[in-house]
Amino acid sequence: MSKPVLVVTSRYTKEIEDRIDRDYIARRNPNQVPFTQQTLLSAAEGADAMFITLADRLDSGFFEKVSPTVRIITTYSAGFEHIDLAAAARRRISVAYTPGVNHEATADIAMLLLLGASRRAYEAQELVRTGAWKPLSPDMLLGWQLGGKVLGIFGMGHVGQAVARRARGFGMKVHYYDPSELPAETAGDAVYHKNPFDLLRVSQLLSLHAPETPQTDHFLNSKAISLLPPGAIVVNTARGGLVVDEDLIAALKSGRVAAAGLDVFEGEPKLNPEYISLKNTFLLPHIGSATIETRTAMGLLALDNVDAVLKGGHAPTLVRP
């Protein structure tokens, strides 16, 4: 029996690549450049499944034209806002994703951002790398300690909970907002806020961990920022669309927000260039899940989804429109 045809839009860790080569006929972009919608449609002709990433935007136009042979699209991500789920459902194409495996790695990056932003790590590293480091006076590069501060967590899912565990080790007081209050055995000593704006009012440090939805889109705007304590520090490892860039940049320039640590950006890999010009930003290129262990687990789960559907079952992590 011939192997199923799998359209693969990126490269993965060795364990994932070996499994793809063993179990599928892989169709890739031979030039190692991102697929356009047209080249992706061409690659999907006669294919059984597709293995995509956040960089691959599948809109309603794509699903109107995609080959009827495609039975499942699995995305190598914990989010699926880049896929028109209603359009996929109309074509009876299953869509699956990879939740529940990246929270520990992403929580590590959230802590890195909190530390980097609060301790002015970009400015300090710049001194070293440019050769400008000279003996510092006692009042230079003064940052802010994390211990004793209130950390507000907006979105207390797996990642938010993992951040809370780490934050306690740094002596932070955890407060959180989520659509539903967590059970006491899960929340521990974290303080719940039913209203997200009440959370903002106490958050000396704010870490964003909510999915991007119509309800959370551009949540952190000028109004929300105005509720934060003066000199708050903001961290985002969730989605860039949670933040109104112009409003956060204005707050960083004025000092209303002391510093920001950002791993995600609206429109990435492009980002508002004013972030780069600011000294009080600690910026990373969306590496929240970028560990060998996590990226491998994500890929294995993505392929489990494909296998299950092609064998007549349901994907373990099926997205329901």
Protein backbone atom coordinates (compact mmCIF):
# COMPACT_ATOMS: atom_id res chain seq x y z
CA MET A 1 0.00 0.00 0.00
CA SER A 2 1.40 3.40 -0.96
CA LYS A 3 2.17 5.97 1.70
CA PRO A 4 -0.17 8.94 2.19
CA VAL A 5 0.93 12.24 0.69
CA LEU A 6 1.66 14.94 3.28
CA VAL A 7 2.30 18.57 2.36
CA VAL A 8 4.97 19.86 4.76
CA THR A 9 5.58 23.61 4.88
CA SER A 10 8.56 23.80 7.24
CA ARG A 11 11.51 21.87 8.71
CA TYR A 12 11.47 20.17 12.10
CA THR A 13 13.67 18.33 14.58
CA LYS A 14 15.32 15.09 13.45
CA GLU A 15 12.82 12.82 15.18
CA ILE A 16 9.95 14.50 13.37
CA GLU A 17 11.73 14.52 10.01
CA ASP A 18 12.57 10.83 10.36
CA ARG A 19 8.94 9.97 11.06
CA ILE A 20 7.75 12.04 8.10
CA ASP A 21 10.22 10.29 5.79
CA ARG A 22 9.23 6.87 7.15
CA ASP A 23 5.45 7.21 7.08
CA TYR A 24 4.60 9.67 4.30
CA ILE A 25 5.43 10.92 0.86
CA ALA A 26 6.39 14.46 1.81
CA ARG A 27 5.75 17.35 -0.52
CA ARG A 28 7.87 20.37 0.32
CA ASN A 29 8.76 23.65 -1.28
CA PRO A 30 11.99 22.68 -3.03
CA ASN A 31 13.39 26.19 -2.80
CA GLN A 32 13.11 26.31 1.01
CA VAL A 33 11.15 29.55 0.83
CA PRO A 34 7.70 30.09 2.34
CA PHE A 35 4.80 28.75 0.35
CA THR A 36 2.51 31.29 -1.25
CA GLN A 37 -1.17 30.46 -1.25
CA GLN A 38 -0.94 29.44 -4.89
CA THR A 39 2.09 27.17 -4.45
CA LEU A 40 0.44 25.65 -1.37
CA LEU A 41 -2.71 24.93 -3.36
CA SER A 42 -0.60 23.32 -6.07
CA ALA A 43 1.26 21.19 -3.55
CA ALA A 44 -2.06 20.05 -2.04
CA GLU A 45 -3.37 18.65 -5.34
CA GLY A 46 -3.99 14.95 -4.69
CA ALA A 47 -2.51 15.15 -1.18
CA ASP A 48 -4.07 13.44 1.83
CA ALA A 49 -3.02 15.86 4.55
CA MET A 50 -1.18 19.09 5.30
CA PHE A 51 1.29 19.91 8.08
CA ILE A 52 1.46 23.69 8.44
CA THR A 53 2.64 26.40 10.86
CA LEU A 54 1.42 29.79 12.07
CA ALA A 55 3.12 31.35 9.06
CA ASP A 56 0.67 29.63 6.71
CA ARG A 57 -2.54 31.65 6.51
CA LEU A 58 -5.46 29.59 5.23
CA ASP A 59 -8.43 31.82 4.48
CA SER A 60 -11.82 31.11 2.96
CA GLY A 61 -10.39 31.57 -0.54
CA PHE A 62 -7.89 28.82 0.11
CA PHE A 63 -10.59 26.37 1.20
CA GLU A 64 -12.73 27.18 -1.83
CA LYS A 65 -9.90 25.99 -4.07
CA VAL A 66 -8.07 23.29 -2.09
CA SER A 67 -8.01 19.75 -3.44
CA PRO A 68 -10.94 17.55 -2.35
CA THR A 69 -8.44 14.81 -1.45
CA VAL A 70 -7.20 16.73 1.62
CA ARG A 71 -8.77 15.22 4.73
CA ILE A 72 -6.87 16.89 7.56
CA ILE A 73 -4.76 19.98 8.16
CA THR A 74 -2.64 19.84 11.29
CA THR A 75 -0.99 23.02 12.52
CA TYR A 76 2.24 23.07 14.46
CA SER A 77 0.95 25.58 17.01
CA ALA A 78 -1.15 25.99 20.12
CA GLY A 79 -3.27 28.57 18.30
CA PHE A 80 -5.37 28.29 15.16
CA GLU A 81 -6.38 31.87 14.40
CA HIS A 82 -4.52 31.61 11.06
CA ILE A 83 -7.07 29.09 9.75
CA ASP A 84 -10.65 29.82 8.66
CA LEU A 85 -12.31 27.05 10.63
CA ALA A 86 -15.80 27.63 9.23
CA ALA A 87 -14.47 27.38 5.67
CA ALA A 88 -12.59 24.18 6.56
CA ALA A 89 -15.77 22.70 8.05
CA ARG A 90 -17.71 23.47 4.88
CA ARG A 91 -15.19 21.38 2.96
CA ARG A 92 -15.30 18.64 5.64
CA ILE A 93 -11.60 19.03 6.33
CA SER A 94 -10.51 18.26 9.88
CA VAL A 95 -8.26 20.83 11.55
CA ALA A 96 -6.03 19.87 14.47
CA TYR A 97 -3.45 21.70 16.58
CA THR A 98 -0.84 21.05 19.27
CA PRO A 99 -2.02 22.34 22.66
CA GLY A 100 -0.84 21.29 26.09
CA VAL A 101 2.82 20.59 25.31
CA ASN A 102 4.50 24.00 25.13
CA HIS A 103 3.54 25.52 28.47
CA GLU A 104 6.71 24.78 30.41
CA ALA A 105 9.01 26.13 27.70
CA THR A 106 6.84 29.21 27.17
CA ALA A 107 6.71 29.88 30.90
CA ASP A 108 10.52 29.84 30.97
CA ILE A 109 10.56 32.53 28.28
CA ALA A 110 8.00 34.59 30.20
CA MET A 111 10.35 34.56 33.17
CA LEU A 112 13.28 35.47 30.93
CA LEU A 113 11.29 38.44 29.65
CA LEU A 114 10.31 39.50 33.16
CA LEU A 115 13.92 39.38 34.26
CA GLY A 116 15.28 40.94 31.09
CA ALA A 117 12.83 43.82 31.15
CA SER A 118 13.01 44.48 34.88
CA ARG A 119 16.81 44.38 35.04
CA ARG A 120 17.39 46.41 31.86
CA ALA A 121 19.19 43.50 30.26
CA TYR A 122 19.17 44.92 26.72
CA GLU A 123 20.92 48.11 27.82
CA ALA A 124 23.42 46.16 29.90
CA GLN A 125 24.24 43.72 27.12
CA GLU A 126 24.58 46.56 24.65
CA LEU A 127 27.30 48.10 26.82
CA VAL A 128 29.24 44.86 26.77
CA ARG A 129 28.79 44.05 23.08
CA THR A 130 29.65 47.55 21.83
CA GLY A 131 32.72 47.93 24.03
CA ALA A 132 31.15 50.88 25.84
CA TRP A 133 31.35 49.25 29.28
CA LYS A 134 33.22 51.37 31.75
CA PRO A 135 33.11 51.34 35.55
CA LEU A 136 29.49 52.09 36.44
CA SER A 137 28.46 54.59 39.05
CA PRO A 138 26.09 53.27 41.74
CA ASP A 139 23.08 54.95 40.13
CA MET A 140 23.51 53.50 36.63
CA LEU A 141 21.37 50.75 35.09
CA LEU A 142 19.15 50.51 38.13
CA GLY A 143 16.34 48.07 37.53
CA TRP A 144 13.53 46.65 39.58
CA GLN A 145 13.42 43.52 41.72
CA LEU A 146 10.69 40.95 41.17
CA GLY A 147 10.41 39.75 44.77
CA GLY A 148 7.50 41.22 46.68
CA LYS A 149 5.79 42.56 43.54
CA VAL A 150 2.30 41.66 42.35
CA LEU A 151 2.39 39.68 39.13
CA GLY A 152 -0.88 39.88 37.23
CA ILE A 153 -1.48 36.94 34.90
CA PHE A 154 -4.04 37.59 32.16
CA GLY A 155 -5.12 34.09 31.16
CA MET A 156 -4.57 31.28 33.63
CA GLY A 157 -4.38 28.28 31.33
CA HIS A 158 -1.47 25.85 31.23
CA VAL A 159 1.10 28.56 30.48
CA GLY A 160 -0.28 31.00 33.04
CA GLN A 161 -0.24 28.31 35.72
CA ALA A 162 3.35 27.38 34.85
CA VAL A 163 4.36 31.04 35.13
CA ALA A 164 2.63 31.29 38.49
CA ARG A 165 4.66 28.35 39.81
CA ARG A 166 7.88 30.03 38.75
CA ALA A 167 6.82 33.44 40.03
CA ARG A 168 6.26 32.10 43.53
CA GLY A 169 9.88 30.95 43.56
CA PHE A 170 10.94 34.55 42.92
CA GLY A 171 8.80 35.78 45.79
CA MET A 172 6.10 37.39 43.65
CA LYS A 173 2.46 37.63 44.69
CA VAL A 174 0.28 36.08 41.99
CA HIS A 175 -3.05 37.57 40.90
CA TYR A 176 -4.92 36.40 37.82
CA TYR A 177 -7.86 36.82 35.50
CA ASP A 178 -9.48 34.01 33.56
CA PRO A 179 -13.03 33.61 32.28
CA SER A 180 -13.56 31.05 35.04
CA GLU A 181 -12.03 30.88 38.50
CA LEU A 182 -9.68 27.94 38.96
CA PRO A 183 -10.30 25.29 41.62
CA ALA A 184 -8.53 26.12 44.86
CA GLU A 185 -6.21 23.12 44.55
CA THR A 186 -5.02 24.47 41.18
CA ALA A 187 -4.92 28.19 41.96
CA GLY A 188 -3.18 27.82 45.31
CA ASP A 189 -2.63 31.24 46.84
CA ALA A 190 -3.24 33.11 43.56
CA VAL A 191 -5.87 35.85 43.90
CA TYR A 192 -8.70 35.69 41.35
CA HIS A 193 -10.17 38.78 39.67
CA LYS A 194 -13.49 38.32 37.93
CA ASN A 195 -12.99 41.59 36.06
CA PRO A 196 -9.74 41.89 34.06
CA PHE A 197 -9.60 45.63 34.67
CA ASP A 198 -9.47 45.00 38.40
CA LEU A 199 -6.45 42.78 37.75
CA LEU A 200 -4.73 45.60 35.88
CA ARG A 201 -5.12 47.99 38.79
CA VAL A 202 -2.91 45.86 41.05
CA SER A 203 -0.46 44.45 38.48
CA GLN A 204 2.99 45.92 39.05
CA LEU A 205 4.08 43.22 36.61
CA LEU A 206 1.66 42.03 33.92
CA SER A 207 2.12 38.83 31.92
CA LEU A 208 -0.24 38.08 29.02
CA HIS A 209 -1.22 34.46 28.43
CA ALA A 210 -4.69 34.55 26.88
CA PRO A 211 -5.53 33.22 23.41
CA GLU A 212 -6.24 35.74 20.68
CA THR A 213 -10.01 35.91 20.28
CA PRO A 214 -12.49 38.67 19.41
CA GLN A 215 -12.81 39.25 23.17
CA THR A 216 -9.05 39.61 23.80
CA ASP A 217 -8.06 41.35 20.55
CA HIS A 218 -6.20 44.58 21.42
CA PHE A 219 -6.99 44.08 25.10
CA LEU A 220 -3.95 46.07 26.20
CA ASN A 221 -4.83 49.48 24.79
CA SER A 222 -4.40 52.98 26.19
CA LYS A 223 -7.40 52.60 28.50
CA ALA A 224 -6.11 49.32 29.93
CA ILE A 225 -2.58 50.70 30.31
CA SER A 226 -3.91 53.70 32.22
CA LEU A 227 -5.22 51.32 34.89
CA LEU A 228 -1.81 49.76 35.58
CA PRO A 229 0.23 51.07 38.52
CA PRO A 230 2.69 53.75 37.34
CA GLY A 231 5.95 52.17 36.23
CA ALA A 232 4.46 48.73 35.60
CA ILE A 233 6.32 46.16 33.51
CA VAL A 234 4.50 44.31 30.71
CA VAL A 235 5.38 40.91 29.24
CA ASN A 236 3.71 39.14 26.32
CA THR A 237 4.34 35.54 25.27
CA ALA A 238 0.78 34.91 24.04
CA ARG A 239 -0.15 36.65 20.78
CA GLY A 240 0.85 40.04 19.43
CA GLY A 241 -2.77 40.88 18.68
CA LEU A 242 -3.50 41.27 22.41
CA VAL A 243 -1.58 44.56 22.39
CA VAL A 244 -2.16 47.88 20.65
CA ASP A 245 1.44 48.56 19.72
CA GLU A 246 1.11 52.32 19.37
CA ASP A 247 -0.43 52.61 22.85
CA LEU A 248 2.21 50.47 24.54
CA ILE A 249 5.01 52.31 22.73
CA ALA A 250 3.61 55.66 23.87
CA ALA A 251 3.49 54.39 27.46
CA LEU A 252 7.07 53.12 27.23
CA LYS A 253 8.24 56.46 25.90
CA SER A 254 6.49 58.42 28.64
CA GLY A 255 7.59 56.06 31.43
CA ARG A 256 3.98 55.20 32.29
CA VAL A 257 5.15 51.64 31.58
CA ALA A 258 8.72 51.21 32.81
CA ALA A 259 9.70 48.36 30.50
CA ALA A 260 8.31 45.61 28.30
CA GLY A 261 9.45 42.10 27.41
CA LEU A 262 7.92 40.84 24.17
CA ASP A 263 8.25 37.50 22.39
CA VAL A 264 5.26 37.98 20.07
CA PHE A 265 4.15 40.81 17.81
CA GLU A 266 1.17 41.68 15.70
CA GLY A 267 2.04 41.02 12.06
CA GLU A 268 5.21 39.13 12.95
CA PRO A 269 7.87 38.62 11.73
CA LYS A 270 7.38 42.27 10.96
CA LEU A 271 7.00 44.45 14.03
CA ASN A 272 6.52 48.10 14.80
CA PRO A 273 10.06 49.51 14.34
CA GLU A 274 9.64 51.87 17.27
CA TYR A 275 10.00 48.93 19.64
CA ILE A 276 13.53 48.43 18.33
CA SER A 277 14.45 52.06 18.92
CA LEU A 278 13.48 51.90 22.60
CA LYS A 279 16.04 51.05 25.27
CA ASN A 280 13.40 49.80 27.72
CA THR A 281 12.26 46.87 25.59
CA PHE A 282 13.57 43.32 25.78
CA LEU A 283 12.62 41.66 22.49
CA LEU A 284 12.69 38.04 21.31
CA PRO A 285 11.63 36.44 17.97
CA HIS A 286 8.72 34.23 19.14
CA ILE A 287 10.85 31.50 20.74
CA GLY A 288 8.46 30.57 23.56
CA SER A 289 8.28 26.91 22.53
CA ALA A 290 11.78 26.73 21.07
CA THR A 291 13.33 23.85 22.96
CA ILE A 292 14.25 20.53 21.38
CA GLU A 293 11.96 18.71 23.80
CA THR A 294 8.91 20.90 23.21
CA ARG A 295 9.24 21.29 19.47
CA THR A 296 9.62 17.54 19.11
CA ALA A 297 6.56 16.88 21.27
CA MET A 298 4.56 19.36 19.18
CA GLY A 299 5.59 17.66 15.95
CA LEU A 300 4.78 14.19 17.23
CA LEU A 301 1.34 15.35 18.31
CA ALA A 302 0.76 16.99 14.93
CA LEU A 303 1.60 13.73 13.16
CA ASP A 304 -0.55 11.74 15.61
CA ASN A 305 -3.43 13.93 14.46
CA VAL A 306 -2.76 13.12 10.82
CA ASP A 307 -2.41 9.40 11.47
CA ALA A 308 -5.66 9.22 13.42
CA VAL A 309 -7.76 10.93 10.75
CA LEU A 310 -6.24 9.05 7.82
CA LYS A 311 -6.98 5.79 9.64
CA GLY A 312 -10.64 6.75 9.94
CA GLY A 313 -10.64 8.11 13.48
CA HIS A 314 -10.61 11.53 15.11
CA ALA A 315 -7.55 13.68 15.73
CA PRO A 316 -6.47 13.65 19.40
CA THR A 317 -6.51 17.45 19.44
CA LEU A 318 -9.20 18.30 16.93
CA VAL A 319 -10.28 21.94 16.60
CA ARG A 320 -14.04 22.31 16.52
CA PRO A 321 -15.39 25.39 14.70
